[in-house]
Amino acid sequence: MPRIRVEPLGIEVEAPAEQTVMQAFEAHGYYWPVGCERNGECTNCAMDVISGIGRLTPMGRYERANLVRQRGPRSIEDPRLRLACQARIRGDVVVYKRGVEPF
């Protein structure tokens, strides 16, 4: 099973392939900061991918459009910025997101 680590918390969880990063952490009892219905509209769940960017599903049109709408066109220039509610796991990754904490 793929492993996902979130920094600066330093917590690592296992998750089935094709689960979103956010779903993986919530399934293990962690709160992931979000301001919408976990559908990519608010972009509050945005994270920086430290390693393993190629082991996440590619950014889709909906994710890209919401990042541009909420954070401006420059937000999609850095491929490491992804939405945790949209990026699906295909292998081991390390991400950076402040505010992730146990429920």
N, C-alpha and C. Protein backbone atom coordinates (compact mmCIF):
# COMPACT_ATOMS: atom_id res chain seq x y z
N MET A 1 0.84 -1.18 0.00
CA MET A 1 0.00 0.00 0.00
C MET A 1 0.88 1.25 0.00
N PRO A 2 0.50 2.27 -0.76
CA PRO A 2 1.28 3.52 -0.76
C PRO A 2 1.30 4.17 0.61
N ARG A 3 2.39 4.87 0.89
CA ARG A 3 2.55 5.60 2.15
C ARG A 3 2.61 7.10 1.83
N ILE A 4 1.94 7.88 2.68
CA ILE A 4 1.93 9.33 2.53
C ILE A 4 2.40 9.93 3.85
N ARG A 5 3.37 10.81 3.78
CA ARG A 5 3.84 11.52 4.97
C ARG A 5 3.51 12.99 4.81
N VAL A 6 3.02 13.58 5.90
CA VAL A 6 2.73 15.02 5.88
C VAL A 6 3.68 15.71 6.86
N GLU A 7 4.34 16.72 6.35
CA GLU A 7 5.23 17.57 7.14
C GLU A 7 4.54 18.91 7.35
N PRO A 8 4.76 19.66 8.38
CA PRO A 8 5.77 19.46 9.41
C PRO A 8 5.33 18.52 10.53
N LEU A 9 4.14 17.95 10.43
CA LEU A 9 3.64 17.06 11.47
C LEU A 9 4.49 15.79 11.60
N GLY A 10 5.03 15.32 10.48
CA GLY A 10 5.87 14.13 10.51
C GLY A 10 5.10 12.83 10.63
N ILE A 11 3.81 12.85 10.31
CA ILE A 11 2.97 11.65 10.41
C ILE A 11 2.91 10.96 9.05
N GLU A 12 2.98 9.65 9.07
CA GLU A 12 2.92 8.85 7.85
C GLU A 12 1.76 7.86 7.97
N VAL A 13 0.98 7.73 6.90
CA VAL A 13 -0.13 6.78 6.88
C VAL A 13 -0.06 5.96 5.60
N GLU A 14 -0.70 4.80 5.62
CA GLU A 14 -0.85 3.99 4.43
C GLU A 14 -2.26 4.22 3.89
N ALA A 15 -2.38 4.10 2.56
CA ALA A 15 -3.68 4.32 1.94
C ALA A 15 -3.79 3.49 0.67
N PRO A 16 -4.99 3.05 0.35
CA PRO A 16 -5.16 2.33 -0.91
C PRO A 16 -4.93 3.26 -2.09
N ALA A 17 -4.40 2.71 -3.16
CA ALA A 17 -4.20 3.49 -4.37
C ALA A 17 -5.52 4.10 -4.83
N GLU A 18 -5.44 5.28 -5.39
CA GLU A 18 -6.56 6.04 -5.95
C GLU A 18 -7.39 6.75 -4.89
N GLN A 19 -7.02 6.66 -3.61
CA GLN A 19 -7.68 7.45 -2.57
C GLN A 19 -7.03 8.83 -2.60
N THR A 20 -7.79 9.89 -2.28
CA THR A 20 -7.18 11.21 -2.24
C THR A 20 -6.30 11.32 -1.00
N VAL A 21 -5.37 12.25 -1.05
CA VAL A 21 -4.49 12.48 0.10
C VAL A 21 -5.34 12.83 1.32
N MET A 22 -6.32 13.69 1.14
CA MET A 22 -7.18 14.09 2.25
C MET A 22 -7.96 12.90 2.81
N GLN A 23 -8.52 12.08 1.96
CA GLN A 23 -9.27 10.90 2.42
C GLN A 23 -8.36 9.98 3.22
N ALA A 24 -7.13 9.82 2.78
CA ALA A 24 -6.19 8.93 3.48
C ALA A 24 -5.97 9.39 4.91
N PHE A 25 -5.74 10.68 5.10
CA PHE A 25 -5.49 11.17 6.45
C PHE A 25 -6.75 11.19 7.29
N GLU A 26 -7.88 11.54 6.71
CA GLU A 26 -9.12 11.52 7.47
C GLU A 26 -9.48 10.10 7.90
N ALA A 27 -9.19 9.11 7.06
CA ALA A 27 -9.47 7.71 7.41
C ALA A 27 -8.63 7.25 8.60
N HIS A 28 -7.51 7.92 8.83
CA HIS A 28 -6.65 7.58 9.97
C HIS A 28 -6.85 8.52 11.15
N GLY A 29 -7.92 9.32 11.12
CA GLY A 29 -8.26 10.15 12.27
C GLY A 29 -7.60 11.51 12.32
N TYR A 30 -7.22 12.05 11.17
CA TYR A 30 -6.60 13.37 11.12
C TYR A 30 -7.52 14.37 10.43
N TYR A 31 -7.52 15.58 10.96
CA TYR A 31 -8.26 16.70 10.37
C TYR A 31 -7.37 17.35 9.32
N TRP A 32 -7.91 17.57 8.13
CA TRP A 32 -7.20 18.29 7.07
C TRP A 32 -7.96 19.59 6.86
N PRO A 33 -7.31 20.76 7.00
CA PRO A 33 -8.00 22.05 6.88
C PRO A 33 -8.71 22.21 5.53
N VAL A 34 -9.98 22.53 5.59
CA VAL A 34 -10.78 22.69 4.38
C VAL A 34 -11.93 23.65 4.67
N GLY A 35 -12.38 24.37 3.66
CA GLY A 35 -13.46 25.33 3.85
C GLY A 35 -14.65 25.09 2.93
N CYS A 36 -14.67 23.95 2.26
CA CYS A 36 -15.79 23.63 1.38
C CYS A 36 -16.23 22.19 1.66
N GLU A 37 -16.94 21.62 0.76
CA GLU A 37 -17.44 20.24 0.93
C GLU A 37 -16.44 19.20 0.44
N ARG A 38 -15.16 19.53 0.52
CA ARG A 38 -14.09 18.63 0.08
C ARG A 38 -14.18 18.34 -1.42
N ASN A 39 -14.56 19.37 -2.16
CA ASN A 39 -14.74 19.20 -3.60
C ASN A 39 -13.83 20.11 -4.43
N GLY A 40 -12.86 20.74 -3.81
CA GLY A 40 -11.89 21.54 -4.55
C GLY A 40 -12.24 22.99 -4.77
N GLU A 41 -13.38 23.43 -4.31
CA GLU A 41 -13.82 24.79 -4.58
C GLU A 41 -13.09 25.85 -3.78
N CYS A 42 -12.73 25.57 -2.53
CA CYS A 42 -12.13 26.60 -1.68
C CYS A 42 -10.61 26.68 -1.83
N THR A 43 -9.97 25.61 -2.18
CA THR A 43 -8.52 25.45 -2.29
C THR A 43 -7.80 25.55 -0.95
N ASN A 44 -8.52 25.53 0.17
CA ASN A 44 -7.88 25.57 1.48
C ASN A 44 -7.06 24.32 1.76
N CYS A 45 -7.34 23.24 1.07
CA CYS A 45 -6.62 21.99 1.31
C CYS A 45 -5.33 21.91 0.51
N ALA A 46 -4.97 22.99 -0.18
CA ALA A 46 -3.76 22.99 -1.01
C ALA A 46 -2.54 22.59 -0.20
N MET A 47 -1.69 21.78 -0.82
CA MET A 47 -0.48 21.28 -0.17
C MET A 47 0.67 21.40 -1.15
N ASP A 48 1.88 21.39 -0.63
CA ASP A 48 3.08 21.35 -1.47
C ASP A 48 3.59 19.92 -1.47
N VAL A 49 3.83 19.38 -2.64
CA VAL A 49 4.35 18.02 -2.75
C VAL A 49 5.88 18.10 -2.69
N ILE A 50 6.45 17.54 -1.64
CA ILE A 50 7.89 17.58 -1.43
C ILE A 50 8.58 16.52 -2.30
N SER A 51 8.02 15.33 -2.30
CA SER A 51 8.56 14.27 -3.16
C SER A 51 7.43 13.34 -3.59
N GLY A 52 7.60 12.76 -4.77
CA GLY A 52 6.62 11.82 -5.29
C GLY A 52 5.55 12.44 -6.15
N ILE A 53 5.79 13.60 -6.72
CA ILE A 53 4.77 14.27 -7.53
C ILE A 53 4.25 13.34 -8.64
N GLY A 54 5.12 12.53 -9.19
CA GLY A 54 4.72 11.60 -10.25
C GLY A 54 3.92 10.41 -9.75
N ARG A 55 3.79 10.29 -8.43
CA ARG A 55 3.02 9.19 -7.86
C ARG A 55 1.64 9.67 -7.38
N LEU A 56 1.24 10.84 -7.88
CA LEU A 56 -0.12 11.34 -7.71
C LEU A 56 -0.77 11.41 -9.08
N THR A 57 -2.08 11.33 -9.13
CA THR A 57 -2.76 11.48 -10.41
C THR A 57 -2.46 12.87 -10.96
N PRO A 58 -2.43 13.03 -12.28
CA PRO A 58 -2.20 14.36 -12.85
C PRO A 58 -3.31 15.33 -12.46
N MET A 59 -2.98 16.61 -12.45
CA MET A 59 -3.97 17.64 -12.13
C MET A 59 -5.03 17.66 -13.23
N GLY A 60 -6.26 17.60 -12.81
CA GLY A 60 -7.38 17.64 -13.75
C GLY A 60 -7.84 19.05 -14.03
N ARG A 61 -8.72 19.18 -14.99
CA ARG A 61 -9.25 20.47 -15.41
C ARG A 61 -9.95 21.20 -14.27
N TYR A 62 -10.73 20.47 -13.48
CA TYR A 62 -11.48 21.07 -12.38
C TYR A 62 -10.54 21.62 -11.31
N GLU A 63 -9.54 20.83 -10.93
CA GLU A 63 -8.56 21.28 -9.94
C GLU A 63 -7.82 22.52 -10.44
N ARG A 64 -7.38 22.47 -11.67
CA ARG A 64 -6.66 23.60 -12.29
C ARG A 64 -7.53 24.86 -12.30
N ALA A 65 -8.77 24.73 -12.72
CA ALA A 65 -9.68 25.88 -12.80
C ALA A 65 -9.91 26.51 -11.43
N ASN A 66 -10.08 25.68 -10.41
CA ASN A 66 -10.32 26.21 -9.06
C ASN A 66 -9.08 26.87 -8.49
N LEU A 67 -7.90 26.32 -8.75
CA LEU A 67 -6.68 26.98 -8.29
C LEU A 67 -6.53 28.35 -8.95
N VAL A 68 -6.78 28.43 -10.24
CA VAL A 68 -6.68 29.72 -10.95
C VAL A 68 -7.72 30.69 -10.42
N ARG A 69 -8.94 30.22 -10.22
CA ARG A 69 -10.03 31.08 -9.76
C ARG A 69 -9.76 31.62 -8.35
N GLN A 70 -9.26 30.77 -7.46
CA GLN A 70 -9.06 31.17 -6.07
C GLN A 70 -7.69 31.79 -5.79
N ARG A 71 -6.66 31.35 -6.51
CA ARG A 71 -5.29 31.77 -6.19
C ARG A 71 -4.57 32.46 -7.32
N GLY A 72 -5.21 32.58 -8.47
CA GLY A 72 -4.62 33.30 -9.59
C GLY A 72 -3.86 32.38 -10.54
N PRO A 73 -3.60 32.86 -11.76
CA PRO A 73 -2.98 32.04 -12.80
C PRO A 73 -1.58 31.53 -12.45
N ARG A 74 -0.86 32.26 -11.63
CA ARG A 74 0.50 31.82 -11.27
C ARG A 74 0.50 30.58 -10.38
N SER A 75 -0.64 30.29 -9.77
CA SER A 75 -0.71 29.14 -8.86
C SER A 75 -0.48 27.81 -9.56
N ILE A 76 -0.77 27.73 -10.84
CA ILE A 76 -0.60 26.45 -11.54
C ILE A 76 0.76 26.35 -12.23
N GLU A 77 1.59 27.37 -12.07
CA GLU A 77 2.93 27.31 -12.66
C GLU A 77 3.84 26.36 -11.90
N ASP A 78 3.59 26.16 -10.62
CA ASP A 78 4.38 25.25 -9.81
C ASP A 78 3.63 23.92 -9.69
N PRO A 79 4.10 22.87 -10.34
CA PRO A 79 3.38 21.59 -10.32
C PRO A 79 3.32 20.94 -8.94
N ARG A 80 4.10 21.46 -7.98
CA ARG A 80 4.09 20.88 -6.63
C ARG A 80 2.87 21.31 -5.83
N LEU A 81 2.18 22.37 -6.23
CA LEU A 81 0.98 22.82 -5.53
C LEU A 81 -0.21 21.98 -6.01
N ARG A 82 -0.77 21.22 -5.09
CA ARG A 82 -1.90 20.36 -5.43
C ARG A 82 -2.97 20.48 -4.35
N LEU A 83 -4.20 20.13 -4.72
CA LEU A 83 -5.30 20.09 -3.78
C LEU A 83 -5.40 18.68 -3.21
N ALA A 84 -5.37 18.57 -1.90
CA ALA A 84 -5.40 17.26 -1.24
C ALA A 84 -6.71 16.53 -1.46
N CYS A 85 -7.77 17.27 -1.75
CA CYS A 85 -9.07 16.63 -1.99
C CYS A 85 -9.20 16.13 -3.42
N GLN A 86 -8.27 16.49 -4.28
CA GLN A 86 -8.33 16.08 -5.69
C GLN A 86 -7.20 15.15 -6.09
N ALA A 87 -6.02 15.30 -5.51
CA ALA A 87 -4.85 14.50 -5.87
C ALA A 87 -5.01 13.08 -5.32
N ARG A 88 -5.01 12.11 -6.20
CA ARG A 88 -5.17 10.71 -5.82
C ARG A 88 -3.81 10.02 -5.79
N ILE A 89 -3.67 9.14 -4.84
CA ILE A 89 -2.39 8.48 -4.55
C ILE A 89 -2.18 7.29 -5.48
N ARG A 90 -0.97 7.21 -6.01
CA ARG A 90 -0.57 6.05 -6.81
C ARG A 90 0.72 5.42 -6.30
N GLY A 91 1.34 6.05 -5.33
CA GLY A 91 2.59 5.55 -4.75
C GLY A 91 2.99 6.43 -3.59
N ASP A 92 4.15 6.18 -3.03
CA ASP A 92 4.62 6.92 -1.86
C ASP A 92 4.85 8.40 -2.18
N VAL A 93 4.36 9.27 -1.29
CA VAL A 93 4.56 10.70 -1.45
C VAL A 93 4.83 11.35 -0.09
N VAL A 94 5.47 12.51 -0.14
CA VAL A 94 5.68 13.35 1.03
C VAL A 94 5.13 14.72 0.68
N VAL A 95 4.27 15.25 1.55
CA VAL A 95 3.66 16.56 1.30
C VAL A 95 3.87 17.47 2.50
N TYR A 96 3.70 18.76 2.26
CA TYR A 96 3.82 19.76 3.31
C TYR A 96 2.48 20.49 3.43
N LYS A 97 1.90 20.46 4.63
CA LYS A 97 0.64 21.17 4.88
C LYS A 97 0.54 21.49 6.36
N ARG A 98 0.49 22.75 6.68
CA ARG A 98 0.26 23.18 8.08
C ARG A 98 -1.21 23.01 8.41
N GLY A 99 -1.48 22.71 9.67
CA GLY A 99 -2.86 22.62 10.15
C GLY A 99 -3.44 21.23 10.19
N VAL A 100 -2.72 20.24 9.66
CA VAL A 100 -3.18 18.86 9.76
C VAL A 100 -2.95 18.42 11.20
N GLU A 101 -3.98 17.87 11.83
CA GLU A 101 -3.84 17.47 13.23
C GLU A 101 -4.83 16.34 13.55
N PRO A 102 -4.56 15.60 14.62
CA PRO A 102 -5.49 14.53 15.02
C PRO A 102 -6.86 15.12 15.37
N PHE A 103 -7.92 14.37 15.06
CA PHE A 103 -9.28 14.79 15.44
C PHE A 103 -9.40 14.86 16.93
